[in-house]
Protein backbone atom coordinates (compact mmCIF):
# COMPACT_ATOMS: atom_id res chain seq x y z
CA MET A 1 -62.21 -19.05 -100.16
CA SER A 2 -64.31 -16.08 -100.75
CA LEU A 3 -62.94 -12.59 -100.68
CA ARG A 4 -64.90 -11.74 -97.52
CA CYS A 5 -63.39 -14.66 -95.59
CA PHE A 6 -59.91 -13.76 -96.66
CA PHE A 7 -60.47 -10.21 -95.52
CA TYR A 8 -61.63 -11.41 -92.07
CA LEU A 9 -58.57 -13.64 -91.72
CA LEU A 10 -56.26 -10.79 -92.65
CA VAL A 11 -57.83 -8.42 -90.09
CA SER A 12 -57.65 -11.10 -87.34
CA ALA A 13 -53.98 -11.73 -88.06
CA PHE A 14 -53.26 -8.01 -87.91
CA ILE A 15 -55.03 -7.58 -84.58
CA ALA A 16 -53.26 -10.63 -83.09
CA GLY A 17 -49.87 -9.31 -84.20
CA ALA A 18 -50.54 -5.87 -82.80
CA CYS A 19 -51.49 -7.23 -79.34
CA ALA A 20 -48.64 -9.75 -79.04
CA THR A 21 -45.31 -8.76 -77.36
CA PRO A 22 -42.53 -8.81 -79.90
CA LEU A 23 -39.68 -11.28 -79.14
CA THR A 24 -36.22 -10.07 -80.03
CA MET A 25 -32.79 -11.68 -79.60
CA ASN A 26 -31.18 -8.51 -78.23
CA PRO A 27 -33.66 -6.72 -76.02
CA GLU A 28 -33.00 -3.12 -75.12
CA PRO A 29 -31.77 -2.67 -71.53
CA GLN A 30 -34.46 -1.38 -69.25
CA THR A 31 -33.68 1.63 -67.15
CA THR A 32 -35.51 3.02 -64.17
CA ASN A 33 -35.96 6.74 -64.13
CA PRO A 34 -34.47 8.16 -60.97
CA SER A 35 -36.78 9.95 -58.60
CA PRO A 36 -36.56 13.71 -58.62
CA ALA A 37 -35.06 13.59 -55.11
CA MET A 38 -32.06 11.61 -56.41
CA THR A 39 -31.19 13.66 -59.50
CA SER A 40 -28.42 16.17 -59.48
CA ALA A 41 -30.87 18.88 -60.33
CA SER A 42 -32.81 18.23 -57.13
CA VAL A 43 -29.77 18.37 -54.73
CA LYS A 44 -29.01 21.89 -53.62
CA PRO A 45 -25.47 22.73 -52.54
CA THR A 46 -25.12 23.90 -48.89
CA SER A 47 -22.43 25.92 -47.22
CA ALA A 48 -20.43 24.75 -44.18
CA SER A 49 -22.37 27.09 -41.88
CA GLN A 50 -25.63 25.73 -43.18
CA SER A 51 -24.38 22.18 -42.58
CA MET A 52 -23.48 23.04 -38.98
CA ALA A 53 -26.83 24.69 -38.49
CA MET A 54 -28.57 21.62 -39.78
CA ALA A 55 -26.45 19.39 -37.55
CA SER A 56 -27.22 21.53 -34.50
CA ASN A 57 -30.87 20.75 -34.85
CA ASP A 58 -30.13 17.10 -34.01
CA PRO A 59 -30.02 16.32 -30.27
CA ALA A 60 -26.46 15.91 -29.04
CA PRO A 61 -25.66 12.50 -27.51
CA THR A 62 -25.59 12.59 -23.70
CA ALA A 63 -22.69 10.87 -21.94
CA GLN A 64 -23.89 8.75 -19.04
CA LEU A 65 -21.49 7.83 -16.25
CA LEU A 66 -22.53 4.65 -14.52
CA VAL A 67 -21.28 4.63 -10.93
CA THR A 68 -21.35 1.29 -9.19
CA PRO A 69 -21.44 1.70 -5.39
CA ILE A 70 -18.67 -0.13 -3.62
CA ALA A 71 -19.60 -1.63 -0.29
CA THR A 72 -17.17 -0.55 2.41
CA ALA A 73 -16.65 -2.70 5.47
CA PRO A 74 -17.46 -1.01 8.77
CA PRO A 75 -14.43 -0.14 10.89
CA ILE A 76 -13.45 -2.77 13.43
CA THR A 77 -12.13 -1.98 16.90
CA THR A 78 -10.17 -4.71 18.68
CA LEU A 79 -10.16 -4.87 22.47
CA LEU A 80 -7.84 -7.27 24.26
CA PHE A 81 -8.40 -8.42 27.86
CA THR A 82 -6.14 -10.43 30.13
CA GLY A 83 -6.48 -12.39 33.30
CA ASN A 84 -4.44 -11.56 36.38
CA ILE A 85 -1.08 -9.87 35.93
CA VAL A 86 1.08 -10.47 39.02
CA PRO A 87 4.69 -9.25 38.66
CA ALA A 88 5.58 -10.46 42.13
CA ARG A 89 6.91 -13.59 43.83
CA CYS A 90 8.46 -15.89 41.20
CA VAL A 91 7.73 -13.51 38.32
CA GLN A 92 9.64 -10.68 40.02
CA ALA A 93 12.41 -13.15 40.86
CA ALA A 94 12.68 -14.13 37.17
CA ILE A 95 12.75 -10.48 36.16
CA ASP A 96 15.58 -9.86 38.60
CA GLN A 97 17.46 -12.90 37.33
CA HIS A 98 17.21 -11.77 33.70
CA GLN A 99 17.69 -8.11 34.65
CA ASN A 100 14.96 -7.37 32.14
CA TYR A 101 11.57 -5.94 33.12
CA ASP A 102 10.21 -6.64 29.63
CA TYR A 103 10.95 -10.34 30.02
CA PRO A 104 7.37 -11.43 30.95
CA TYR A 105 5.88 -9.80 27.84
CA GLU A 106 8.40 -10.57 25.12
CA GLU A 107 6.44 -13.55 23.79
CA VAL A 108 3.07 -11.72 23.69
CA GLY A 109 4.04 -8.10 23.10
CA ALA A 110 3.14 -8.16 19.40
CA ILE A 111 -0.35 -9.50 20.20
CA ILE A 112 -0.93 -6.86 22.87
CA GLN A 113 0.26 -4.02 20.65
CA ALA A 114 -1.89 -5.16 17.71
CA ALA A 115 -5.09 -4.43 19.63
CA ASP A 116 -6.69 -0.99 19.53
CA PHE A 117 -7.01 -1.16 23.30
CA ALA A 118 -5.33 -3.60 25.67
CA ILE A 119 -6.87 -3.88 29.14
CA GLY A 120 -5.25 -5.94 31.86
CA THR A 121 -6.14 -6.99 35.40
CA PHE A 122 -3.43 -6.13 37.90
CA ASN A 123 -3.49 -8.13 41.13
CA ALA A 124 -0.41 -7.04 43.07
CA THR A 125 1.31 -3.91 44.32
CA MET A 126 4.14 -1.88 42.83
CA SER A 127 5.80 -0.25 45.76
CA GLU A 128 9.09 0.38 47.52
CA VAL A 129 7.45 0.25 50.91
CA ALA A 130 7.90 -3.51 51.35
CA PRO A 131 10.73 -5.87 50.36
CA ARG A 132 10.34 -8.43 47.63
CA THR A 133 9.59 -11.93 48.76
CA GLY A 134 11.53 -13.95 46.21
CA CYS A 135 10.14 -17.10 44.61
CA LYS A 136 8.17 -18.70 47.41
CA PRO A 137 4.49 -19.39 48.18
CA THR A 138 3.01 -16.26 49.75
CA PHE A 139 0.20 -13.79 49.29
CA VAL A 140 2.52 -10.86 49.87
CA LEU A 141 2.49 -9.71 46.26
CA VAL A 142 5.02 -6.91 45.99
CA GLY A 143 6.66 -5.87 42.71
CA ASP A 144 9.05 -3.15 41.64
CA PRO A 145 7.58 0.15 40.34
CA LYS A 146 9.55 -0.39 37.11
CA ASN A 147 6.96 -3.04 36.22
CA ALA A 148 4.61 -0.18 35.32
CA ASP A 149 7.05 1.02 32.67
CA ALA A 150 7.30 -2.50 31.25
CA LEU A 151 3.50 -2.80 31.04
CA ALA A 152 3.33 0.49 29.15
CA ARG A 153 6.02 -0.66 26.70
CA ALA A 154 4.14 -3.93 26.22
CA GLY A 155 1.19 -1.94 24.93
CA PHE A 156 -1.35 -1.77 27.76
CA ASP A 157 -3.77 1.16 27.73
CA ALA A 158 -5.82 0.48 30.85
CA MET A 159 -5.78 -1.74 33.91
CA SER A 160 -8.47 -3.04 36.23
CA VAL A 161 -7.24 -2.67 39.80
CA ALA A 162 -10.41 -3.82 41.61
CA THR A 163 -8.40 -6.77 42.87
CA ASN A 164 -8.05 -8.32 46.31
CA HIS A 165 -4.23 -8.29 46.49
CA ILE A 166 -3.65 -4.62 45.68
CA LYS A 167 -2.92 -3.83 49.34
CA ASP A 168 -0.87 -6.93 50.16
CA CYS A 169 2.52 -5.66 51.25
CA GLY A 170 3.40 -7.79 54.24
CA SER A 171 1.91 -5.76 57.07
CA ALA A 172 -1.35 -4.00 57.87
CA SER A 173 0.34 -0.64 58.25
CA CYS A 174 1.65 -0.38 54.68
CA GLY A 175 -1.48 -1.37 52.77
CA ASP A 176 -2.80 2.09 51.89
CA GLN A 177 0.66 3.38 51.02
CA ALA A 178 1.35 0.47 48.68
CA PHE A 179 -2.14 0.92 47.19
CA PHE A 180 -1.59 4.59 46.34
CA GLU A 181 1.93 3.96 45.04
CA THR A 182 0.53 1.36 42.65
CA LEU A 183 -2.05 3.79 41.27
CA THR A 184 0.56 6.54 41.02
CA ASN A 185 2.96 4.32 39.07
CA PHE A 186 0.26 3.49 36.51
CA GLN A 187 -0.60 7.17 36.20
CA ARG A 188 3.07 8.01 35.73
CA VAL A 189 3.35 5.79 32.62
CA GLY A 190 -0.02 6.77 31.11
CA ILE A 191 -2.01 3.62 31.90
CA LEU A 192 -5.58 4.31 33.01
CA THR A 193 -6.87 2.51 36.10
CA VAL A 194 -10.44 1.54 36.90
CA GLY A 195 -12.09 0.01 39.96
CA ALA A 196 -10.21 1.72 42.79
CA GLY A 197 -9.83 5.15 44.32
CA LYS A 198 -9.49 7.30 47.41
CA ASN A 199 -13.11 6.47 48.35
CA GLU A 200 -16.05 4.40 47.12
CA ALA A 201 -17.43 7.13 44.87
CA GLU A 202 -14.11 7.41 43.02
CA ALA A 203 -13.70 3.64 42.82
CA LEU A 204 -17.06 3.31 41.02
CA GLN A 205 -16.14 5.86 38.34
CA PRO A 206 -15.74 4.54 34.77
CA ILE A 207 -12.97 5.20 32.30
CA ALA A 208 -13.69 5.84 28.62
CA LEU A 209 -11.74 4.73 25.55
CA THR A 210 -12.76 5.99 22.09
CA SER A 211 -12.00 4.38 18.73
CA ASN A 212 -13.68 4.73 15.30
CA GLY A 213 -16.25 7.08 16.81
CA VAL A 214 -17.37 4.54 19.44
CA ARG A 215 -16.93 5.27 23.15
CA PHE A 216 -16.17 2.25 25.33
CA GLY A 217 -16.86 2.72 29.03
CA LEU A 218 -15.18 0.35 31.49
CA VAL A 219 -16.15 -0.33 35.08
CA SER A 220 -14.66 -2.89 37.43
CA LEU A 221 -15.66 -4.27 40.83
CA GLY A 222 -14.11 -6.85 43.13
CA GLN A 223 -15.77 -9.59 45.17
CA HIS A 224 -13.28 -10.64 47.84
CA GLU A 225 -12.32 -8.81 50.99
CA GLN A 226 -8.65 -9.11 51.89
CA GLY A 227 -6.70 -6.78 54.13
CA GLY A 228 -9.36 -4.08 54.24
CA VAL A 229 -9.34 -3.74 50.47
CA PHE A 230 -12.90 -2.42 49.96
CA ALA A 231 -13.40 1.30 49.58
CA GLU A 232 -15.90 3.13 51.76
CA ALA A 233 -17.25 6.66 51.87
CA ASP A 234 -14.07 7.94 53.53
CA LYS A 235 -11.68 5.02 52.99
CA PRO A 236 -9.48 4.20 49.97
CA GLY A 237 -9.76 0.86 48.24
CA ILE A 238 -11.53 -1.03 45.46
CA ALA A 239 -15.17 -0.96 44.36
CA ARG A 240 -17.16 -3.68 46.13
CA LEU A 241 -19.03 -6.13 43.90
CA SER A 242 -22.72 -5.91 44.85
CA ASP A 243 -26.02 -5.61 42.99
CA GLU A 244 -26.37 -1.98 43.95
CA ASN A 245 -22.84 -1.02 42.96
CA ILE A 246 -23.02 -2.89 39.66
CA LEU A 247 -26.08 -0.93 38.54
CA LYS A 248 -24.65 2.32 39.88
CA ALA A 249 -21.34 1.83 38.04
CA ILE A 250 -23.08 0.91 34.77
CA GLN A 251 -25.36 3.95 34.97
CA LEU A 252 -22.30 6.17 35.44
CA ALA A 253 -20.60 4.53 32.46
CA ARG A 254 -23.62 4.98 30.22
CA GLN A 255 -23.33 8.75 30.66
CA VAL A 256 -19.94 8.77 28.91
CA ALA A 257 -20.01 5.69 26.66
CA ASP A 258 -21.83 3.94 23.84
CA VAL A 259 -20.70 0.47 24.93
CA VAL A 260 -20.37 -0.46 28.59
CA ILE A 261 -17.89 -3.16 29.59
CA PHE A 262 -18.21 -4.60 33.08
CA MET A 263 -15.12 -6.34 34.50
CA PRO A 264 -15.77 -8.30 37.68
CA HIS A 265 -12.90 -9.66 39.73
CA TRP A 266 -14.52 -12.63 41.42
CA GLY A 267 -14.44 -16.34 42.11
CA PRO A 268 -12.16 -18.50 44.22
CA GLU A 269 -8.40 -18.69 43.83
CA ASP A 270 -6.95 -21.09 41.26
CA ARG A 271 -10.25 -22.04 39.64
CA SER A 272 -10.94 -21.42 35.96
CA THR A 273 -14.68 -22.18 35.84
CA PRO A 274 -17.42 -19.96 37.30
CA THR A 275 -19.04 -21.03 40.55
CA TRP A 276 -22.80 -21.35 41.06
CA ILE A 277 -22.77 -18.02 42.93
CA GLN A 278 -21.01 -16.31 40.02
CA ARG A 279 -23.48 -17.69 37.48
CA GLN A 280 -26.48 -16.64 39.56
CA LEU A 281 -25.08 -13.15 40.08
CA ALA A 282 -24.29 -12.77 36.40
CA GLN A 283 -27.77 -13.93 35.31
CA LYS A 284 -29.60 -11.77 37.82
CA ASN A 285 -27.69 -8.64 36.99
CA ARG A 286 -27.74 -9.35 33.26
CA CYS A 287 -31.53 -8.95 33.32
CA GLY A 288 -31.20 -5.73 35.29
CA TRP A 289 -28.61 -4.34 32.90
CA ARG A 290 -30.82 -5.07 29.89
CA ARG A 291 -33.76 -3.31 31.52
CA SER A 292 -31.59 -0.27 32.11
CA GLY A 293 -31.02 0.01 28.32
CA GLY A 294 -27.85 0.40 26.28
CA TRP A 295 -25.29 -2.21 25.31
CA GLN A 296 -23.21 -4.06 27.83
CA SER A 297 -20.32 -6.43 27.36
CA TYR A 298 -18.75 -8.62 29.99
CA ALA A 299 -15.16 -9.62 30.52
CA ARG A 300 -14.57 -12.31 33.10
CA SER A 301 -11.46 -11.88 35.18
CA ALA A 302 -10.00 -15.34 35.81
CA ARG A 303 -8.33 -15.58 39.20
CA LEU A 304 -5.69 -18.11 38.27
CA SER A 305 -2.35 -18.03 39.96
CA ASN A 306 0.36 -16.95 37.52
CA ALA A 307 3.16 -15.95 39.84
C-alpha cells in the first residue's frame, strides 16, 4: 500500500469516528432544563392582600335556585240535594214513639254534614194550628215545629218549599196560617227557604250560597195546584212552574250568582221517572236557559212518598 492510500484510509476512519454517536455502558442521565416560568427565580412572592385582589378579579359563582311549580288542585264545593222531606203522618208518629226528633236523620246525618251545602225539599207543614194525623193514609201533612230544629241539627242549610203540600193542614181555613208558620220555623233555626213567599214576586226570588269564591243561586218552582197553593200578585203561596216564571226566576238568580241551580217540584205522586211532559218542558226551557247565558244546573225533585 502506498503512503497516499494509507493517508486516505486514516482520514476516512477519523471522519467516520467523529460523525458516529459514541456508545457507552453507563450513559449520563438526560435532564430537561425547566422553563423560566417554572424556576424559583421566576416566581414572585405575593402578599395575602395581593392574593385576594387577584382572586376578586375572577367572577364569583352564582347560586341558582331551581323552583319547580307544584300543581294545586282547584277547590271543590260539594252540594247535597234530597228528595221530599215529610215529617208528618207515619214519620211524625215514629218520632213521637221514639221521643227523638233527630231519629229520622241519625243514619244520614254524617253525609249531610259533610257537604258544603245541604239543600232539601220540604213537602209538609210545621204548625200547631192543626192536630197530627198519626200513621194513616192521608194528605194532611202536619208536623211539629220542632222538626225544624232537627233539620238544622242534621246539617241542612236551605230548603225548597215550592211544594204542593205546604198548605195541607186539614181545612181550607188554616192553609195560609200553616204556610207562614212553616216559613217562620225555618227562619227561626237559620235554614234559608226558596220558592215561596207572601206573593208571587217574593216566591220567585232566589237565595244565594257562597263557597270558595263561587256564588250559587237557587230558584225553585212547583207544578201542582193543591189547596190554593200558588202565589199570586197579592196572595201568599209557592212559585208556579211555567215557562215565563222559569226564565224570570233564572234571570233574577243570575244577578246574584255565578252558578244558577233550578229546582222544580213536579211530576205525579209516587213515580220516580220523568213523564213525557216533564222531559218536554225540561228540553224546551234548557234551550232557553242556554240562550240567556251563564251556567245552569238542574236538580230534579222526586215526588216519592216517604211518610
